[in-house]
């Protein structure tokens, strides 16, 4: 009887996985932010938060810092967050295309820096104009996008902290100050967990797992869809 339940359970699991993948293929395009959906350069903010992940306080503080940077140095920085990417797009290609869409000429690009975050994957990229790159080497720019912004996200999706830290570092570097460097990452102590033995695992009721997975397969994709499109 146990072998029969196990066999039936495995078949149900495969069916459910297929349903989940099919549902994700339908929902994913709705979550993507097309380049053509991105509006023009905001006139009242240095942050375009299309993914709705930043607080008003953070947006205001970042905008204030970047506005002050422009007044003192002529360098401009903008942050953009998006819900997701189209299948044929990477965060690097999207960032470069948006940069050139917003700043189509070399003169317009020269003092500009753009950093974009994809909320769905938490991937980020940065792109800068010629004069900005002369002040901020590519190694530092990439460190800002891949370390300064990413570390708070990896320890708990702390988007506000990540963008505030990134803005502080960019302002320092583009102002000609010493680079404060990426955040220091402390090793987390791993606590030994308690795991079920193989015998205990085999005692699990396959029917309960199937019902749970069916509920998850139905509720999670729909909840995700309505969350992103609301």
C-alpha atoms as a PDB file:
ATOM      1  CA  UNK A   1       0.000   0.000   0.000  1.00  0.00           C
ATOM      2  CA  UNK A   2       2.836   2.350   0.882  1.00  0.00           C
ATOM      3  CA  UNK A   3       4.507   1.719  -2.485  1.00  0.00           C
ATOM      4  CA  UNK A   4       1.222   2.413  -4.270  1.00  0.00           C
ATOM      5  CA  UNK A   5       0.770   5.722  -2.434  1.00  0.00           C
ATOM      6  CA  UNK A   6       4.365   6.631  -3.165  1.00  0.00           C
ATOM      7  CA  UNK A   7       3.930   5.907  -6.879  1.00  0.00           C
ATOM      8  CA  UNK A   8       0.682   7.875  -7.019  1.00  0.00           C
ATOM      9  CA  UNK A   9       2.292  10.698  -5.086  1.00  0.00           C
ATOM     10  CA  UNK A  10       5.210  10.888  -7.509  1.00  0.00           C
ATOM     11  CA  UNK A  11       2.836  11.057 -10.475  1.00  0.00           C
ATOM     12  CA  UNK A  12       0.842  13.830  -8.822  1.00  0.00           C
ATOM     13  CA  UNK A  13       4.011  15.752  -8.003  1.00  0.00           C
ATOM     14  CA  UNK A  14       5.151  15.617 -11.636  1.00  0.00           C
ATOM     15  CA  UNK A  15       1.724  16.778 -12.776  1.00  0.00           C
ATOM     16  CA  UNK A  16       1.726  19.634 -10.274  1.00  0.00           C
ATOM     17  CA  UNK A  17       5.227  20.733 -11.272  1.00  0.00           C
ATOM     18  CA  UNK A  18       4.092  20.858 -14.891  1.00  0.00           C
ATOM     19  CA  UNK A  19       1.059  22.943 -13.901  1.00  0.00           C
ATOM     20  CA  UNK A  20       3.221  25.344 -11.904  1.00  0.00           C
ATOM     21  CA  UNK A  21       5.645  25.813 -14.788  1.00  0.00           C
ATOM     22  CA  UNK A  22       2.772  26.398 -17.210  1.00  0.00           C
ATOM     23  CA  UNK A  23       1.192  28.956 -14.893  1.00  0.00           C
ATOM     24  CA  UNK A  24       4.490  30.775 -14.472  1.00  0.00           C
ATOM     25  CA  UNK A  25       4.908  30.971 -18.233  1.00  0.00           C
ATOM     26  CA  UNK A  26       1.547  32.739 -18.408  1.00  0.00           C
ATOM     27  CA  UNK A  27       2.083  35.026 -15.413  1.00  0.00           C
ATOM     28  CA  UNK A  28       5.743  35.966 -16.013  1.00  0.00           C
ATOM     29  CA  UNK A  29       5.140  38.187 -19.074  1.00  0.00           C
ATOM     30  CA  UNK A  30       2.647  40.217 -17.052  1.00  0.00           C
ATOM     31  CA  UNK A  31       5.338  40.875 -14.456  1.00  0.00           C
ATOM     32  CA  UNK A  32       7.952  42.033 -16.955  1.00  0.00           C
ATOM     33  CA  UNK A  33       8.677  45.715 -17.471  1.00  0.00           C
ATOM     34  CA  UNK A  34       9.211  46.475 -21.132  1.00  0.00           C
ATOM     35  CA  UNK A  35      11.656  49.194 -22.063  1.00  0.00           C
ATOM     36  CA  UNK A  36       8.806  50.968 -23.813  1.00  0.00           C
ATOM     37  CA  UNK A  37       6.769  51.028 -20.596  1.00  0.00           C
ATOM     38  CA  UNK A  38       9.392  53.108 -18.817  1.00  0.00           C
ATOM     39  CA  UNK A  39       8.354  56.773 -18.831  1.00  0.00           C
ATOM     40  CA  UNK A  40      10.665  59.649 -19.594  1.00  0.00           C
ATOM     41  CA  UNK A  41      13.201  61.031 -17.142  1.00  0.00           C
ATOM     42  CA  UNK A  42      11.410  62.081 -13.935  1.00  0.00           C
ATOM     43  CA  UNK A  43      11.603  65.819 -13.375  1.00  0.00           C
ATOM     44  CA  UNK A  44      10.888  65.812  -9.644  1.00  0.00           C
ATOM     45  CA  UNK A  45      12.905  62.812  -8.459  1.00  0.00           C
ATOM     46  CA  UNK A  46      16.162  60.982  -9.106  1.00  0.00           C
ATOM     47  CA  UNK A  47      14.407  57.677  -8.417  1.00  0.00           C
ATOM     48  CA  UNK A  48      11.912  55.877 -10.650  1.00  0.00           C
ATOM     49  CA  UNK A  49      10.504  53.107  -8.462  1.00  0.00           C
ATOM     50  CA  UNK A  50       8.355  51.085 -10.865  1.00  0.00           C
ATOM     51  CA  UNK A  51       8.609  48.026  -8.593  1.00  0.00           C
ATOM     52  CA  UNK A  52       7.245  49.957  -5.584  1.00  0.00           C
ATOM     53  CA  UNK A  53       9.915  48.726  -3.178  1.00  0.00           C
ATOM     54  CA  UNK A  54      11.270  51.990  -1.760  1.00  0.00           C
ATOM     55  CA  UNK A  55       9.796  54.213   0.915  1.00  0.00           C
ATOM     56  CA  UNK A  56       9.040  57.870   0.292  1.00  0.00           C
ATOM     57  CA  UNK A  57      11.638  58.765   2.893  1.00  0.00           C
ATOM     58  CA  UNK A  58      14.341  56.855   1.016  1.00  0.00           C
ATOM     59  CA  UNK A  59      13.333  58.337  -2.334  1.00  0.00           C
ATOM     60  CA  UNK A  60      13.396  61.820  -0.850  1.00  0.00           C
ATOM     61  CA  UNK A  61      16.773  61.364   0.795  1.00  0.00           C
ATOM     62  CA  UNK A  62      18.338  59.876  -2.340  1.00  0.00           C
ATOM     63  CA  UNK A  63      16.913  62.640  -4.521  1.00  0.00           C
ATOM     64  CA  UNK A  64      18.218  65.276  -2.120  1.00  0.00           C
ATOM     65  CA  UNK A  65      21.718  63.748  -2.153  1.00  0.00           C
ATOM     66  CA  UNK A  66      21.842  63.463  -5.944  1.00  0.00           C
ATOM     67  CA  UNK A  67      20.447  66.971  -6.453  1.00  0.00           C
ATOM     68  CA  UNK A  68      23.175  68.339  -4.198  1.00  0.00           C
ATOM     69  CA  UNK A  69      25.769  66.286  -6.104  1.00  0.00           C
ATOM     70  CA  UNK A  70      24.626  67.784  -9.416  1.00  0.00           C
ATOM     71  CA  UNK A  71      24.772  71.322  -8.032  1.00  0.00           C
ATOM     72  CA  UNK A  72      28.337  70.829  -6.783  1.00  0.00           C
ATOM     73  CA  UNK A  73      29.890  68.675  -9.513  1.00  0.00           C
ATOM     74  CA  UNK A  74      27.573  68.531 -12.528  1.00  0.00           C
ATOM     75  CA  UNK A  75      27.358  64.746 -12.133  1.00  0.00           C
ATOM     76  CA  UNK A  76      23.868  63.224 -12.228  1.00  0.00           C
ATOM     77  CA  UNK A  77      22.772  59.845 -10.878  1.00  0.00           C
ATOM     78  CA  UNK A  78      19.422  58.095 -11.237  1.00  0.00           C
ATOM     79  CA  UNK A  79      18.036  54.876  -9.796  1.00  0.00           C
ATOM     80  CA  UNK A  80      15.339  52.760 -11.458  1.00  0.00           C
ATOM     81  CA  UNK A  81      13.552  49.670 -10.143  1.00  0.00           C
ATOM     82  CA  UNK A  82      11.505  47.400 -12.397  1.00  0.00           C
ATOM     83  CA  UNK A  83       9.170  44.455 -11.754  1.00  0.00           C
ATOM     84  CA  UNK A  84      10.918  42.013 -14.087  1.00  0.00           C
ATOM     85  CA  UNK A  85      12.585  41.543 -17.460  1.00  0.00           C
ATOM     86  CA  UNK A  86      11.406  40.200 -20.792  1.00  0.00           C
ATOM     87  CA  UNK A  87      12.761  36.765 -21.716  1.00  0.00           C
ATOM     88  CA  UNK A  88      15.284  38.099 -24.232  1.00  0.00           C
ATOM     89  CA  UNK A  89      16.590  40.817 -21.899  1.00  0.00           C
ATOM     90  CA  UNK A  90      19.308  40.882 -19.246  1.00  0.00           C
ATOM     91  CA  UNK A  91      19.629  43.494 -16.542  1.00  0.00           C
ATOM     92  CA  UNK A  92      22.826  44.735 -18.220  1.00  0.00           C
ATOM     93  CA  UNK A  93      21.239  45.086 -21.661  1.00  0.00           C
ATOM     94  CA  UNK A  94      18.123  46.719 -20.206  1.00  0.00           C
ATOM     95  CA  UNK A  95      20.189  49.258 -18.258  1.00  0.00           C
ATOM     96  CA  UNK A  96      22.304  50.172 -21.274  1.00  0.00           C
ATOM     97  CA  UNK A  97      19.256  50.531 -23.530  1.00  0.00           C
ATOM     98  CA  UNK A  98      17.395  52.676 -21.000  1.00  0.00           C
ATOM     99  CA  UNK A  99      20.491  54.832 -20.509  1.00  0.00           C
ATOM    100  CA  UNK A 100      20.706  55.480 -24.253  1.00  0.00           C
ATOM    101  CA  UNK A 101      16.943  55.965 -24.509  1.00  0.00           C
ATOM    102  CA  UNK A 102      17.016  58.661 -21.847  1.00  0.00           C
ATOM    103  CA  UNK A 103      20.312  60.181 -23.002  1.00  0.00           C
ATOM    104  CA  UNK A 104      20.583  59.666 -26.768  1.00  0.00           C
ATOM    105  CA  UNK A 105      23.686  61.770 -27.498  1.00  0.00           C
ATOM    106  CA  UNK A 106      27.280  61.597 -26.188  1.00  0.00           C
ATOM    107  CA  UNK A 107      26.962  65.086 -24.719  1.00  0.00           C
ATOM    108  CA  UNK A 108      23.785  64.155 -22.854  1.00  0.00           C
ATOM    109  CA  UNK A 109      25.372  60.919 -21.616  1.00  0.00           C
ATOM    110  CA  UNK A 110      28.690  62.340 -20.442  1.00  0.00           C
ATOM    111  CA  UNK A 111      27.868  63.185 -16.807  1.00  0.00           C
ATOM    112  CA  UNK A 112      25.128  60.614 -16.280  1.00  0.00           C
ATOM    113  CA  UNK A 113      25.072  57.447 -14.163  1.00  0.00           C
ATOM    114  CA  UNK A 114      22.134  55.036 -14.149  1.00  0.00           C
ATOM    115  CA  UNK A 115      21.608  52.031 -11.881  1.00  0.00           C
ATOM    116  CA  UNK A 116      18.704  49.610 -12.368  1.00  0.00           C
ATOM    117  CA  UNK A 117      17.377  46.805 -10.159  1.00  0.00           C
ATOM    118  CA  UNK A 118      15.118  43.978 -11.335  1.00  0.00           C
ATOM    119  CA  UNK A 119      12.835  43.129  -8.395  1.00  0.00           C
ATOM    120  CA  UNK A 120      11.944  39.655  -9.675  1.00  0.00           C
ATOM    121  CA  UNK A 121      15.536  38.392  -9.609  1.00  0.00           C
ATOM    122  CA  UNK A 122      17.191  41.127  -7.502  1.00  0.00           C
ATOM    123  CA  UNK A 123      19.802  41.487 -10.244  1.00  0.00           C
ATOM    124  CA  UNK A 124      21.242  44.958 -10.729  1.00  0.00           C
ATOM    125  CA  UNK A 125      23.441  46.802 -13.207  1.00  0.00           C
ATOM    126  CA  UNK A 126      25.007  50.225 -13.631  1.00  0.00           C
ATOM    127  CA  UNK A 127      25.897  52.283 -16.700  1.00  0.00           C
ATOM    128  CA  UNK A 128      27.753  55.595 -16.816  1.00  0.00           C
ATOM    129  CA  UNK A 129      28.748  58.235 -19.340  1.00  0.00           C
ATOM    130  CA  UNK A 130      32.275  59.103 -20.407  1.00  0.00           C
ATOM    131  CA  UNK A 131      32.972  61.907 -17.913  1.00  0.00           C
ATOM    132  CA  UNK A 132      31.404  59.942 -15.074  1.00  0.00           C
ATOM    133  CA  UNK A 133      33.627  56.947 -15.902  1.00  0.00           C
ATOM    134  CA  UNK A 134      36.680  59.208 -15.832  1.00  0.00           C
ATOM    135  CA  UNK A 135      35.902  59.943 -12.181  1.00  0.00           C
ATOM    136  CA  UNK A 136      34.500  56.550 -11.222  1.00  0.00           C
ATOM    137  CA  UNK A 137      36.456  53.547 -12.583  1.00  0.00           C
ATOM    138  CA  UNK A 138      34.408  50.640 -13.868  1.00  0.00           C
ATOM    139  CA  UNK A 139      35.603  48.418 -11.016  1.00  0.00           C
ATOM    140  CA  UNK A 140      34.096  50.791  -8.457  1.00  0.00           C
ATOM    141  CA  UNK A 141      30.891  51.217 -10.447  1.00  0.00           C
ATOM    142  CA  UNK A 142      30.427  47.446 -10.652  1.00  0.00           C
ATOM    143  CA  UNK A 143      31.206  47.111  -6.955  1.00  0.00           C
ATOM    144  CA  UNK A 144      28.450  49.600  -6.151  1.00  0.00           C
ATOM    145  CA  UNK A 145      25.902  47.635  -8.194  1.00  0.00           C
ATOM    146  CA  UNK A 146      27.034  44.141  -7.204  1.00  0.00           C
ATOM    147  CA  UNK A 147      28.175  44.646  -3.608  1.00  0.00           C
ATOM    148  CA  UNK A 148      26.987  47.880  -2.009  1.00  0.00           C
ATOM    149  CA  UNK A 149      23.437  47.453  -3.298  1.00  0.00           C
ATOM    150  CA  UNK A 150      23.328  43.668  -3.208  1.00  0.00           C
ATOM    151  CA  UNK A 151      24.597  42.881   0.300  1.00  0.00           C
ATOM    152  CA  UNK A 152      21.522  44.287   2.118  1.00  0.00           C
ATOM    153  CA  UNK A 153      19.281  42.433  -0.338  1.00  0.00           C
ATOM    154  CA  UNK A 154      20.971  39.111   0.306  1.00  0.00           C
ATOM    155  CA  UNK A 155      20.604  39.379   4.072  1.00  0.00           C
ATOM    156  CA  UNK A 156      16.911  40.203   4.024  1.00  0.00           C
ATOM    157  CA  UNK A 157      15.760  42.149   0.941  1.00  0.00           C
ATOM    158  CA  UNK A 158      16.543  45.465   2.612  1.00  0.00           C
ATOM    159  CA  UNK A 159      15.914  47.565  -0.466  1.00  0.00           C
ATOM    160  CA  UNK A 160      15.879  50.926   1.273  1.00  0.00           C
ATOM    161  CA  UNK A 161      19.198  50.275   2.978  1.00  0.00           C
ATOM    162  CA  UNK A 162      20.755  48.968  -0.228  1.00  0.00           C
ATOM    163  CA  UNK A 163      19.823  52.006  -2.290  1.00  0.00           C
ATOM    164  CA  UNK A 164      20.718  54.461   0.471  1.00  0.00           C
ATOM    165  CA  UNK A 165      24.137  52.830   0.883  1.00  0.00           C
ATOM    166  CA  UNK A 166      24.661  52.862  -2.889  1.00  0.00           C
ATOM    167  CA  UNK A 167      23.713  56.536  -3.131  1.00  0.00           C
ATOM    168  CA  UNK A 168      26.117  57.479  -0.330  1.00  0.00           C
ATOM    169  CA  UNK A 169      28.987  55.657  -2.016  1.00  0.00           C
ATOM    170  CA  UNK A 170      28.241  57.090  -5.465  1.00  0.00           C
ATOM    171  CA  UNK A 171      28.056  60.624  -4.076  1.00  0.00           C
ATOM    172  CA  UNK A 172      31.408  60.180  -2.347  1.00  0.00           C
ATOM    173  CA  UNK A 173      33.162  58.771  -5.425  1.00  0.00           C
ATOM    174  CA  UNK A 174      31.664  61.200  -7.947  1.00  0.00           C
ATOM    175  CA  UNK A 175      32.512  64.104  -5.629  1.00  0.00           C
ATOM    176  CA  UNK A 176      36.172  63.139  -5.825  1.00  0.00           C
ATOM    177  CA  UNK A 177      36.326  61.834  -2.271  1.00  0.00           C
ATOM    178  CA  UNK A 178      37.965  58.598  -1.205  1.00  0.00           C
ATOM    179  CA  UNK A 179      35.911  55.526  -2.064  1.00  0.00           C
ATOM    180  CA  UNK A 180      34.393  54.185   1.188  1.00  0.00           C
ATOM    181  CA  UNK A 181      34.348  50.728  -0.390  1.00  0.00           C
ATOM    182  CA  UNK A 182      31.736  47.978  -0.250  1.00  0.00           C
ATOM    183  CA  UNK A 183      30.051  46.955   3.002  1.00  0.00           C
ATOM    184  CA  UNK A 184      31.828  44.517   5.275  1.00  0.00           C
ATOM    185  CA  UNK A 185      30.059  41.170   5.266  1.00  0.00           C
ATOM    186  CA  UNK A 186      30.068  39.257   8.526  1.00  0.00           C
ATOM    187  CA  UNK A 187      29.906  35.487   8.436  1.00  0.00           C
ATOM    188  CA  UNK A 188      26.638  34.113   9.769  1.00  0.00           C
ATOM    189  CA  UNK A 189      26.876  31.351  12.328  1.00  0.00           C
ATOM    190  CA  UNK A 190      25.098  28.274  11.028  1.00  0.00           C
ATOM    191  CA  UNK A 191      23.072  26.503  13.669  1.00  0.00           C
ATOM    192  CA  UNK A 192      22.806  22.734  13.267  1.00  0.00           C
ATOM    193  CA  UNK A 193      19.272  21.743  12.403  1.00  0.00           C
ATOM    194  CA  UNK A 194      17.259  18.663  13.187  1.00  0.00           C
ATOM    195  CA  UNK A 195      16.359  16.583  10.150  1.00  0.00           C
ATOM    196  CA  UNK A 196      14.004  13.681   9.740  1.00  0.00           C
ATOM    197  CA  UNK A 197      15.495  10.252   9.185  1.00  0.00           C
ATOM    198  CA  UNK A 198      14.783   8.391   5.924  1.00  0.00           C
ATOM    199  CA  UNK A 199      12.436   6.117   7.831  1.00  0.00           C
ATOM    200  CA  UNK A 200      10.480   9.077   9.185  1.00  0.00           C
ATOM    201  CA  UNK A 201      10.336  10.646   5.749  1.00  0.00           C
ATOM    202  CA  UNK A 202       8.869   7.470   4.258  1.00  0.00           C
ATOM    203  CA  UNK A 203       6.068   7.605   6.811  1.00  0.00           C
ATOM    204  CA  UNK A 204       4.819  10.912   5.370  1.00  0.00           C
ATOM    205  CA  UNK A 205       1.403  10.640   3.834  1.00  0.00           C
ATOM    206  CA  UNK A 206       1.642  11.187   0.070  1.00  0.00           C
ATOM    207  CA  UNK A 207      -1.948  12.372  -0.112  1.00  0.00           C
ATOM    208  CA  UNK A 208      -1.298  15.261   2.297  1.00  0.00           C
ATOM    209  CA  UNK A 209       1.657  16.425   0.223  1.00  0.00           C
ATOM    210  CA  UNK A 210      -0.372  16.293  -2.974  1.00  0.00           C
ATOM    211  CA  UNK A 211      -3.179  18.388  -1.477  1.00  0.00           C
ATOM    212  CA  UNK A 212      -0.683  20.924  -0.130  1.00  0.00           C
ATOM    213  CA  UNK A 213       1.086  21.227  -3.463  1.00  0.00           C
ATOM    214  CA  UNK A 214      -2.214  21.601  -5.300  1.00  0.00           C
ATOM    215  CA  UNK A 215      -3.170  24.495  -3.039  1.00  0.00           C
ATOM    216  CA  UNK A 216       0.257  26.094  -3.457  1.00  0.00           C
ATOM    217  CA  UNK A 217       0.149  25.658  -7.229  1.00  0.00           C
ATOM    218  CA  UNK A 218      -3.192  27.431  -7.374  1.00  0.00           C
ATOM    219  CA  UNK A 219      -2.786  30.188  -4.806  1.00  0.00           C
ATOM    220  CA  UNK A 220       0.850  31.298  -5.095  1.00  0.00           C
ATOM    221  CA  UNK A 221       0.944  32.173  -8.842  1.00  0.00           C
ATOM    222  CA  UNK A 222      -2.383  34.002  -8.646  1.00  0.00           C
ATOM    223  CA  UNK A 223      -1.350  35.915  -5.528  1.00  0.00           C
ATOM    224  CA  UNK A 224       1.928  36.854  -7.194  1.00  0.00           C
ATOM    225  CA  UNK A 225       0.119  37.988 -10.323  1.00  0.00           C
ATOM    226  CA  UNK A 226      -2.351  40.236  -8.508  1.00  0.00           C
ATOM    227  CA  UNK A 227       0.413  41.643  -6.291  1.00  0.00           C
ATOM    228  CA  UNK A 228       2.472  42.814  -9.252  1.00  0.00           C
ATOM    229  CA  UNK A 229      -0.323  44.059 -11.472  1.00  0.00           C
ATOM    230  CA  UNK A 230      -2.373  45.836  -8.828  1.00  0.00           C
END
